[in-house]
Amino acid sequence: MQVYRGMDIGTAKSTLAERQRVPHHLIDVADPDEDYSVARYRADAAAALSDLADRRRRVLMVGGTGLYLRAVVDQLDLPGQWPEVRARLEIEADELGVPALHARLSSLDPVAASRAEPANRRRVVRALEVCVGSGRPFSSFGPGLSAYPDTGFVLLGLNRPREELAERIARRYQEQMAAGFLEEVAGLAGRPAGLSRTARQALGYRELLAHLAGDVGLDEALDAAIRRTRTFARRQQAWFGRDPRIRWLEPAGNLVSVAAAALGEWWR
């Protein structure tokens, strides 16, 4: 979500001072009213990596969005887009509910359905869009996410106990609210073009948008954001825990210093 301009506080985007010290890439490359897909991310990342390789620069890819990371690291075969199909599915999701679409996906592509939670509208609609638009199962593209081929990337995972993660997530929301997160969301919502379907699903943003729309109180919105972020963290742990290529670091101290030491060891 850091690709979006103006979505700064809620995505914990690196500050301008930090970006002046170390060049960052793929930050602020899209307006928040754009749908930014994993296929577009892969193309943008490939261009950035090629440029950096030409200049003999070492690259750190940092983040926790599993599919986007795999798209680059494993060069996944990504399906196209069928906007008319998606539009029809979005209408069906409103009329019939997302679980009904998930049931339909189960009949067309059981593997894809098993990887998407029945309430995850974006993922269910996308998988069905590909099934209907391409005429082949969504899960058939590429070697599949269950394959972990050799890669030229060194993969490091930073682990924290689940209880500590839960506390850190809640504290981060408190700090973000104090830094003006609600005002940031209000400003984005007030833009003439608003936020895209993708951008408005960002953690914290979706919940604060509901509050600004008058659907829920602020405390209720924050509680919902904290719960959804904790669920996301558990899914991250499960997703990356299946990848045997990842070397896990479980530091008792500062994550950054431990990761830096591990990277220094590898570079030597």
C-alpha atoms as a PDB file:
ATOM      1  CA  MET A   1       0.000   0.000   0.000  1.00  0.00           C
ATOM      2  CA  GLN A   2       3.029   2.298   0.207  1.00  0.00           C
ATOM      3  CA  VAL A   3       2.818   2.619  -3.584  1.00  0.00           C
ATOM      4  CA  TYR A   4      -0.025   5.116  -3.029  1.00  0.00           C
ATOM      5  CA  ARG A   5       0.682   8.821  -2.762  1.00  0.00           C
ATOM      6  CA  GLY A   6      -0.846  10.379   0.328  1.00  0.00           C
ATOM      7  CA  MET A   7      -1.235   7.105   2.205  1.00  0.00           C
ATOM      8  CA  ASP A   8       1.666   7.813   4.520  1.00  0.00           C
ATOM      9  CA  ILE A   9       0.800   7.489   8.199  1.00  0.00           C
ATOM     10  CA  GLY A  10      -1.370   4.376   8.013  1.00  0.00           C
ATOM     11  CA  THR A  11       1.166   2.479   5.888  1.00  0.00           C
ATOM     12  CA  ALA A  12       4.107   3.482   8.110  1.00  0.00           C
ATOM     13  CA  LYS A  13       5.843   4.865   5.038  1.00  0.00           C
ATOM     14  CA  SER A  14       9.510   5.727   5.404  1.00  0.00           C
ATOM     15  CA  THR A  15      10.047   9.400   6.105  1.00  0.00           C
ATOM     16  CA  LEU A  16      11.588  11.781   3.588  1.00  0.00           C
ATOM     17  CA  ALA A  17      14.700  11.961   5.763  1.00  0.00           C
ATOM     18  CA  GLU A  18      15.032   8.166   5.710  1.00  0.00           C
ATOM     19  CA  ARG A  19      14.571   8.114   1.937  1.00  0.00           C
ATOM     20  CA  GLN A  20      17.298  10.716   1.540  1.00  0.00           C
ATOM     21  CA  ARG A  21      19.705   8.526   3.512  1.00  0.00           C
ATOM     22  CA  VAL A  22      18.865   5.325   1.593  1.00  0.00           C
ATOM     23  CA  PRO A  23      17.224   5.375  -1.859  1.00  0.00           C
ATOM     24  CA  HIS A  24      13.776   3.749  -1.819  1.00  0.00           C
ATOM     25  CA  HIS A  25      11.862   2.445  -4.808  1.00  0.00           C
ATOM     26  CA  LEU A  26       8.173   1.758  -5.580  1.00  0.00           C
ATOM     27  CA  ILE A  27       6.983   4.316  -3.053  1.00  0.00           C
ATOM     28  CA  ASP A  28       4.495   6.977  -4.216  1.00  0.00           C
ATOM     29  CA  VAL A  29       4.143   5.547  -7.730  1.00  0.00           C
ATOM     30  CA  ALA A  30       0.324   5.583  -7.939  1.00  0.00           C
ATOM     31  CA  ASP A  31      -2.568   7.864  -7.043  1.00  0.00           C
ATOM     32  CA  PRO A  32      -4.945   6.484  -4.403  1.00  0.00           C
ATOM     33  CA  ASP A  33      -7.805   6.318  -6.915  1.00  0.00           C
ATOM     34  CA  GLU A  34      -5.874   3.791  -9.049  1.00  0.00           C
ATOM     35  CA  ASP A  35      -6.279   0.030  -8.780  1.00  0.00           C
ATOM     36  CA  TYR A  36      -2.704  -1.160  -8.312  1.00  0.00           C
ATOM     37  CA  SER A  37      -2.474  -4.858  -9.190  1.00  0.00           C
ATOM     38  CA  VAL A  38       0.118  -7.499  -8.411  1.00  0.00           C
ATOM     39  CA  ALA A  39       0.868  -7.698 -12.158  1.00  0.00           C
ATOM     40  CA  ARG A  40       1.664  -3.983 -12.218  1.00  0.00           C
ATOM     41  CA  TYR A  41       3.798  -4.374  -9.114  1.00  0.00           C
ATOM     42  CA  ARG A  42       5.773  -7.184 -10.703  1.00  0.00           C
ATOM     43  CA  ALA A  43       6.433  -5.074 -13.819  1.00  0.00           C
ATOM     44  CA  ASP A  44       7.440  -2.007 -11.783  1.00  0.00           C
ATOM     45  CA  ALA A  45       9.672  -4.087  -9.515  1.00  0.00           C
ATOM     46  CA  ALA A  46      11.340  -5.818 -12.470  1.00  0.00           C
ATOM     47  CA  ALA A  47      12.169  -2.442 -14.009  1.00  0.00           C
ATOM     48  CA  ALA A  48      13.611  -1.137 -10.744  1.00  0.00           C
ATOM     49  CA  LEU A  49      15.641  -4.300 -10.142  1.00  0.00           C
ATOM     50  CA  SER A  50      17.022  -4.236 -13.693  1.00  0.00           C
ATOM     51  CA  ASP A  51      18.109  -0.620 -13.319  1.00  0.00           C
ATOM     52  CA  LEU A  52      19.770  -1.299  -9.968  1.00  0.00           C
ATOM     53  CA  ALA A  53      21.533  -4.386 -11.325  1.00  0.00           C
ATOM     54  CA  ASP A  54      22.923  -2.336 -14.207  1.00  0.00           C
ATOM     55  CA  ARG A  55      24.361   0.057 -11.626  1.00  0.00           C
ATOM     56  CA  ARG A  56      25.672  -2.860  -9.533  1.00  0.00           C
ATOM     57  CA  ARG A  57      23.615  -1.907  -6.496  1.00  0.00           C
ATOM     58  CA  ARG A  58      22.573  -4.385  -3.832  1.00  0.00           C
ATOM     59  CA  VAL A  59      18.843  -4.483  -3.216  1.00  0.00           C
ATOM     60  CA  LEU A  60      16.751  -5.112  -0.123  1.00  0.00           C
ATOM     61  CA  MET A  61      13.123  -6.020  -0.737  1.00  0.00           C
ATOM     62  CA  VAL A  62      11.274  -5.261   2.478  1.00  0.00           C
ATOM     63  CA  GLY A  63       7.660  -6.011   3.257  1.00  0.00           C
ATOM     64  CA  GLY A  64       5.133  -8.581   4.247  1.00  0.00           C
ATOM     65  CA  THR A  65       2.659  -8.889   1.381  1.00  0.00           C
ATOM     66  CA  GLY A  66       3.248 -12.509   0.445  1.00  0.00           C
ATOM     67  CA  LEU A  67       1.768 -12.709  -3.047  1.00  0.00           C
ATOM     68  CA  TYR A  68       3.528  -9.530  -4.195  1.00  0.00           C
ATOM     69  CA  LEU A  69       6.843 -10.813  -2.862  1.00  0.00           C
ATOM     70  CA  ARG A  70       6.420 -14.194  -4.552  1.00  0.00           C
ATOM     71  CA  ALA A  71       5.454 -12.492  -7.818  1.00  0.00           C
ATOM     72  CA  VAL A  72       8.907 -10.913  -7.958  1.00  0.00           C
ATOM     73  CA  VAL A  73      11.066 -13.513  -6.245  1.00  0.00           C
ATOM     74  CA  ASP A  74       9.584 -16.431  -8.211  1.00  0.00           C
ATOM     75  CA  GLN A  75       8.508 -14.520 -11.351  1.00  0.00           C
ATOM     76  CA  LEU A  76       4.989 -15.885 -11.131  1.00  0.00           C
ATOM     77  CA  ASP A  77       2.957 -16.349 -14.301  1.00  0.00           C
ATOM     78  CA  LEU A  78       0.263 -13.772 -13.634  1.00  0.00           C
ATOM     79  CA  PRO A  79      -3.172 -13.790 -15.298  1.00  0.00           C
ATOM     80  CA  GLY A  80      -4.636 -10.814 -17.130  1.00  0.00           C
ATOM     81  CA  GLN A  81      -7.625  -8.663 -16.224  1.00  0.00           C
ATOM     82  CA  TRP A  82     -11.212  -8.737 -17.464  1.00  0.00           C
ATOM     83  CA  PRO A  83     -12.890  -5.525 -16.224  1.00  0.00           C
ATOM     84  CA  GLU A  84     -16.353  -6.376 -17.606  1.00  0.00           C
ATOM     85  CA  VAL A  85     -16.335  -9.759 -15.870  1.00  0.00           C
ATOM     86  CA  ARG A  86     -15.162  -8.145 -12.639  1.00  0.00           C
ATOM     87  CA  ALA A  87     -17.904  -5.515 -12.832  1.00  0.00           C
ATOM     88  CA  ARG A  88     -20.572  -8.214 -13.097  1.00  0.00           C
ATOM     89  CA  LEU A  89     -19.043 -10.113 -10.192  1.00  0.00           C
ATOM     90  CA  GLU A  90     -18.973  -6.985  -8.029  1.00  0.00           C
ATOM     91  CA  ILE A  91     -22.719  -6.561  -8.647  1.00  0.00           C
ATOM     92  CA  GLU A  92     -23.302 -10.210  -7.745  1.00  0.00           C
ATOM     93  CA  ALA A  93     -21.246  -9.758  -4.572  1.00  0.00           C
ATOM     94  CA  ASP A  94     -23.528  -6.880  -3.550  1.00  0.00           C
ATOM     95  CA  GLU A  95     -26.703  -8.784  -4.380  1.00  0.00           C
ATOM     96  CA  LEU A  96     -25.836 -12.346  -3.337  1.00  0.00           C
ATOM     97  CA  GLY A  97     -23.005 -11.854  -0.861  1.00  0.00           C
ATOM     98  CA  VAL A  98     -19.347 -12.847  -1.056  1.00  0.00           C
ATOM     99  CA  PRO A  99     -19.882 -16.357   0.445  1.00  0.00           C
ATOM    100  CA  ALA A 100     -22.126 -17.194  -2.528  1.00  0.00           C
ATOM    101  CA  LEU A 101     -19.340 -16.219  -4.911  1.00  0.00           C
ATOM    102  CA  HIS A 102     -16.906 -18.274  -2.860  1.00  0.00           C
ATOM    103  CA  ALA A 103     -19.191 -21.291  -3.276  1.00  0.00           C
ATOM    104  CA  ARG A 104     -19.161 -20.706  -7.028  1.00  0.00           C
ATOM    105  CA  LEU A 105     -15.378 -20.466  -6.969  1.00  0.00           C
ATOM    106  CA  SER A 106     -15.246 -23.790  -5.097  1.00  0.00           C
ATOM    107  CA  SER A 107     -17.000 -25.474  -7.995  1.00  0.00           C
ATOM    108  CA  LEU A 108     -14.778 -23.862 -10.649  1.00  0.00           C
ATOM    109  CA  ASP A 109     -11.425 -23.923  -8.851  1.00  0.00           C
ATOM    110  CA  PRO A 110     -11.359 -25.769  -5.511  1.00  0.00           C
ATOM    111  CA  VAL A 111      -7.651 -25.052  -5.035  1.00  0.00           C
ATOM    112  CA  ALA A 112      -8.111 -21.283  -5.370  1.00  0.00           C
ATOM    113  CA  ALA A 113     -11.168 -21.414  -3.107  1.00  0.00           C
ATOM    114  CA  SER A 114      -9.169 -23.185  -0.408  1.00  0.00           C
ATOM    115  CA  ARG A 115      -6.656 -20.324  -0.449  1.00  0.00           C
ATOM    116  CA  ALA A 116      -9.237 -17.545  -0.081  1.00  0.00           C
ATOM    117  CA  GLU A 117     -11.358 -16.901   2.971  1.00  0.00           C
ATOM    118  CA  PRO A 118     -15.088 -16.897   2.076  1.00  0.00           C
ATOM    119  CA  ALA A 119     -15.443 -13.291   3.277  1.00  0.00           C
ATOM    120  CA  ASN A 120     -12.398 -11.960   1.406  1.00  0.00           C
ATOM    121  CA  ARG A 121     -14.252 -10.102  -1.324  1.00  0.00           C
ATOM    122  CA  ARG A 122     -11.259  -8.831  -3.264  1.00  0.00           C
ATOM    123  CA  ARG A 123      -9.540 -12.215  -3.500  1.00  0.00           C
ATOM    124  CA  VAL A 124     -12.707 -14.168  -4.282  1.00  0.00           C
ATOM    125  CA  VAL A 125     -13.816 -11.735  -6.994  1.00  0.00           C
ATOM    126  CA  ARG A 126     -10.334 -11.725  -8.533  1.00  0.00           C
ATOM    127  CA  ALA A 127     -10.108 -15.525  -8.645  1.00  0.00           C
ATOM    128  CA  LEU A 128     -13.554 -15.794 -10.227  1.00  0.00           C
ATOM    129  CA  GLU A 129     -12.712 -13.028 -12.691  1.00  0.00           C
ATOM    130  CA  VAL A 130      -9.751 -15.055 -13.935  1.00  0.00           C
ATOM    131  CA  CYS A 131     -11.670 -18.338 -14.003  1.00  0.00           C
ATOM    132  CA  VAL A 132     -14.484 -16.830 -16.054  1.00  0.00           C
ATOM    133  CA  GLY A 133     -12.382 -14.485 -18.182  1.00  0.00           C
ATOM    134  CA  SER A 134      -9.576 -16.867 -19.084  1.00  0.00           C
ATOM    135  CA  GLY A 135     -11.537 -20.086 -19.126  1.00  0.00           C
ATOM    136  CA  ARG A 136      -8.945 -21.795 -16.929  1.00  0.00           C
ATOM    137  CA  PRO A 137      -8.551 -22.154 -13.157  1.00  0.00           C
ATOM    138  CA  PHE A 138      -6.996 -19.241 -11.336  1.00  0.00           C
ATOM    139  CA  SER A 139      -4.703 -21.695  -9.532  1.00  0.00           C
ATOM    140  CA  SER A 140      -3.314 -22.997 -12.841  1.00  0.00           C
ATOM    141  CA  PHE A 141      -1.188 -19.946 -13.538  1.00  0.00           C
ATOM    142  CA  GLY A 142       2.505 -20.534 -12.955  1.00  0.00           C
ATOM    143  CA  PRO A 143       3.976 -23.375 -10.915  1.00  0.00           C
ATOM    144  CA  GLY A 144       1.563 -22.591  -8.103  1.00  0.00           C
ATOM    145  CA  LEU A 145       2.147 -21.073  -4.708  1.00  0.00           C
ATOM    146  CA  SER A 146       2.865 -24.487  -3.201  1.00  0.00           C
ATOM    147  CA  ALA A 147       6.117 -24.718  -5.204  1.00  0.00           C
ATOM    148  CA  TYR A 148       9.251 -23.105  -3.804  1.00  0.00           C
ATOM    149  CA  PRO A 149      11.891 -23.129  -6.567  1.00  0.00           C
ATOM    150  CA  ASP A 150      15.490 -22.051  -6.211  1.00  0.00           C
ATOM    151  CA  THR A 151      15.875 -18.285  -6.230  1.00  0.00           C
ATOM    152  CA  GLY A 152      18.669 -15.783  -6.473  1.00  0.00           C
ATOM    153  CA  PHE A 153      17.262 -13.903  -3.495  1.00  0.00           C
ATOM    154  CA  VAL A 154      18.362 -14.523   0.085  1.00  0.00           C
ATOM    155  CA  LEU A 155      15.184 -14.686   2.150  1.00  0.00           C
ATOM    156  CA  LEU A 156      15.211 -13.613   5.798  1.00  0.00           C
ATOM    157  CA  GLY A 157      12.183 -13.669   8.079  1.00  0.00           C
ATOM    158  CA  LEU A 158      11.905 -11.600  11.249  1.00  0.00           C
ATOM    159  CA  ASN A 159       9.848 -13.300  13.921  1.00  0.00           C
ATOM    160  CA  ARG A 160       8.228 -12.042  17.104  1.00  0.00           C
ATOM    161  CA  PRO A 161       6.103 -13.903  19.666  1.00  0.00           C
ATOM    162  CA  ARG A 162       2.413 -13.608  18.836  1.00  0.00           C
ATOM    163  CA  GLU A 163       1.584 -11.912  22.137  1.00  0.00           C
ATOM    164  CA  GLU A 164       4.243  -9.280  21.539  1.00  0.00           C
ATOM    165  CA  LEU A 165       2.999  -8.704  17.987  1.00  0.00           C
ATOM    166  CA  ALA A 166      -0.540  -8.153  19.257  1.00  0.00           C
ATOM    167  CA  GLU A 167       0.667  -5.530  21.725  1.00  0.00           C
ATOM    168  CA  ARG A 168       2.852  -3.803  19.135  1.00  0.00           C
ATOM    169  CA  ILE A 169      -0.030  -3.630  16.639  1.00  0.00           C
ATOM    170  CA  ALA A 170      -2.300  -1.921  19.164  1.00  0.00           C
ATOM    171  CA  ARG A 171       0.440   0.501  20.189  1.00  0.00           C
ATOM    172  CA  ARG A 172       1.219   1.374  16.582  1.00  0.00           C
ATOM    173  CA  TYR A 173      -2.395   2.355  15.943  1.00  0.00           C
ATOM    174  CA  GLN A 174      -2.292   4.622  18.979  1.00  0.00           C
ATOM    175  CA  GLU A 175       0.861   6.287  17.660  1.00  0.00           C
ATOM    176  CA  GLN A 176      -0.601   6.629  14.161  1.00  0.00           C
ATOM    177  CA  MET A 177      -3.768   8.244  15.466  1.00  0.00           C
ATOM    178  CA  ALA A 178      -1.680  10.714  17.458  1.00  0.00           C
ATOM    179  CA  ALA A 179       0.271  11.462  14.262  1.00  0.00           C
ATOM    180  CA  GLY A 180      -2.901  12.389  12.341  1.00  0.00           C
ATOM    181  CA  PHE A 181      -4.055   9.126  10.765  1.00  0.00           C
ATOM    182  CA  LEU A 182      -7.741  10.057  10.937  1.00  0.00           C
ATOM    183  CA  GLU A 183      -7.067  13.417   9.294  1.00  0.00           C
ATOM    184  CA  GLU A 184      -5.077  11.679   6.570  1.00  0.00           C
ATOM    185  CA  VAL A 185      -7.974   9.341   5.786  1.00  0.00           C
ATOM    186  CA  ALA A 186     -10.451  12.221   5.798  1.00  0.00           C
ATOM    187  CA  GLY A 187      -8.300  14.101   3.300  1.00  0.00           C
ATOM    188  CA  LEU A 188      -8.103  11.084   1.010  1.00  0.00           C
ATOM    189  CA  ALA A 189     -11.849  10.475   1.252  1.00  0.00           C
ATOM    190  CA  GLY A 190     -12.475  14.089   0.308  1.00  0.00           C
ATOM    191  CA  ARG A 191     -10.528  13.873  -2.956  1.00  0.00           C
ATOM    192  CA  PRO A 192     -12.762  14.200  -6.054  1.00  0.00           C
ATOM    193  CA  ALA A 193     -11.719  10.732  -7.275  1.00  0.00           C
ATOM    194  CA  GLY A 194     -11.797   9.176  -3.803  1.00  0.00           C
ATOM    195  CA  LEU A 195      -9.968   5.924  -3.157  1.00  0.00           C
ATOM    196  CA  SER A 196      -9.779   2.925  -5.440  1.00  0.00           C
ATOM    197  CA  ARG A 197     -11.218  -0.471  -4.609  1.00  0.00           C
ATOM    198  CA  THR A 198      -7.702  -1.629  -3.745  1.00  0.00           C
ATOM    199  CA  ALA A 199      -6.595   1.372  -1.698  1.00  0.00           C
ATOM    200  CA  ARG A 200      -9.726   1.537   0.441  1.00  0.00           C
ATOM    201  CA  GLN A 201      -9.119  -2.032   1.672  1.00  0.00           C
ATOM    202  CA  ALA A 202      -5.817  -1.070   3.334  1.00  0.00           C
ATOM    203  CA  LEU A 203      -5.505  -1.977   6.991  1.00  0.00           C
ATOM    204  CA  GLY A 204      -6.882   0.827   9.148  1.00  0.00           C
ATOM    205  CA  TYR A 205      -8.071   2.866   6.190  1.00  0.00           C
ATOM    206  CA  ARG A 206     -11.157   0.718   5.608  1.00  0.00           C
ATOM    207  CA  GLU A 207     -12.174   0.986   9.242  1.00  0.00           C
ATOM    208  CA  LEU A 208     -11.607   4.743   9.504  1.00  0.00           C
ATOM    209  CA  LEU A 209     -13.513   5.289   6.261  1.00  0.00           C
ATOM    210  CA  ALA A 210     -16.464   3.480   7.857  1.00  0.00           C
ATOM    211  CA  HIS A 211     -16.203   5.791  10.860  1.00  0.00           C
ATOM    212  CA  LEU A 212     -16.073   8.895   8.669  1.00  0.00           C
ATOM    213  CA  ALA A 213     -19.144   7.636   6.812  1.00  0.00           C
ATOM    214  CA  GLY A 214     -21.006   7.532  10.141  1.00  0.00           C
ATOM    215  CA  ASP A 215     -21.340   3.744  10.197  1.00  0.00           C
ATOM    216  CA  VAL A 216     -19.359   3.134  13.414  1.00  0.00           C
ATOM    217  CA  GLY A 217     -17.857   5.088  16.296  1.00  0.00           C
ATOM    218  CA  LEU A 218     -14.142   5.850  16.393  1.00  0.00           C
ATOM    219  CA  ASP A 219     -13.349   3.380  19.192  1.00  0.00           C
ATOM    220  CA  GLU A 220     -15.253   0.649  17.385  1.00  0.00           C
ATOM    221  CA  ALA A 221     -13.403   1.415  14.145  1.00  0.00           C
ATOM    222  CA  LEU A 222     -10.018   1.227  15.872  1.00  0.00           C
ATOM    223  CA  ASP A 223     -10.912  -2.035  17.594  1.00  0.00           C
ATOM    224  CA  ALA A 224     -11.913  -3.483  14.212  1.00  0.00           C
ATOM    225  CA  ALA A 225      -8.667  -2.285  12.637  1.00  0.00           C
ATOM    226  CA  ILE A 226      -6.593  -3.833  15.413  1.00  0.00           C
ATOM    227  CA  ARG A 227      -8.429  -7.159  15.106  1.00  0.00           C
ATOM    228  CA  ARG A 228      -8.046  -7.246  11.317  1.00  0.00           C
ATOM    229  CA  THR A 229      -4.355  -6.388  11.531  1.00  0.00           C
ATOM    230  CA  ARG A 230      -3.746  -9.119  14.096  1.00  0.00           C
ATOM    231  CA  THR A 231      -5.524 -11.588  11.806  1.00  0.00           C
ATOM    232  CA  PHE A 232      -3.386 -10.398   8.916  1.00  0.00           C
ATOM    233  CA  ALA A 233      -0.242 -10.928  11.002  1.00  0.00           C
ATOM    234  CA  ARG A 234      -1.304 -14.508  11.775  1.00  0.00           C
ATOM    235  CA  ARG A 235      -1.884 -15.134   8.067  1.00  0.00           C
ATOM    236  CA  GLN A 236       1.565 -13.701   7.310  1.00  0.00           C
ATOM    237  CA  GLN A 237       3.129 -16.107   9.792  1.00  0.00           C
ATOM    238  CA  ALA A 238       1.298 -19.031   8.207  1.00  0.00           C
ATOM    239  CA  TRP A 239       2.080 -17.931   4.635  1.00  0.00           C
ATOM    240  CA  PHE A 240       5.796 -17.379   5.147  1.00  0.00           C
ATOM    241  CA  GLY A 241       6.091 -20.294   7.553  1.00  0.00           C
ATOM    242  CA  ARG A 242       5.425 -22.649   4.625  1.00  0.00           C
ATOM    243  CA  ASP A 243       8.398 -21.334   2.640  1.00  0.00           C
ATOM    244  CA  PRO A 244      11.417 -23.575   3.378  1.00  0.00           C
ATOM    245  CA  ARG A 245      13.799 -21.059   1.786  1.00  0.00           C
ATOM    246  CA  ILE A 246      13.346 -18.472   4.522  1.00  0.00           C
ATOM    247  CA  ARG A 247      15.973 -18.215   7.238  1.00  0.00           C
ATOM    248  CA  TRP A 248      14.138 -17.160  10.371  1.00  0.00           C
ATOM    249  CA  LEU A 249      15.647 -14.689  12.812  1.00  0.00           C
ATOM    250  CA  GLU A 250      14.127 -14.578  16.272  1.00  0.00           C
ATOM    251  CA  PRO A 251      16.005 -11.779  18.016  1.00  0.00           C
ATOM    252  CA  ALA A 252      15.603 -10.885  21.626  1.00  0.00           C
ATOM    253  CA  GLY A 253      16.756  -7.343  20.901  1.00  0.00           C
ATOM    254  CA  ASN A 254      16.554  -4.902  18.021  1.00  0.00           C
ATOM    255  CA  LEU A 255      15.240  -6.455  14.813  1.00  0.00           C
ATOM    256  CA  VAL A 256      17.104  -4.062  12.547  1.00  0.00           C
ATOM    257  CA  SER A 257      20.525  -4.718  14.074  1.00  0.00           C
ATOM    258  CA  VAL A 258      20.001  -8.494  13.970  1.00  0.00           C
ATOM    259  CA  ALA A 259      18.849  -8.379  10.344  1.00  0.00           C
ATOM    260  CA  ALA A 260      21.794  -6.133   9.426  1.00  0.00           C
ATOM    261  CA  ALA A 261      24.221  -8.598  11.021  1.00  0.00           C
ATOM    262  CA  ALA A 262      22.668 -11.495   9.085  1.00  0.00           C
ATOM    263  CA  LEU A 263      22.882  -9.570   5.807  1.00  0.00           C
ATOM    264  CA  GLY A 264      26.483  -8.584   6.532  1.00  0.00           C
ATOM    265  CA  GLU A 265      27.349 -12.227   7.122  1.00  0.00           C
ATOM    266  CA  TRP A 266      25.788 -13.184   3.788  1.00  0.00           C
ATOM    267  CA  TRP A 267      27.509 -10.373   1.859  1.00  0.00           C
ATOM    268  CA  ARG A 268      30.898 -11.401   3.289  1.00  0.00           C
END
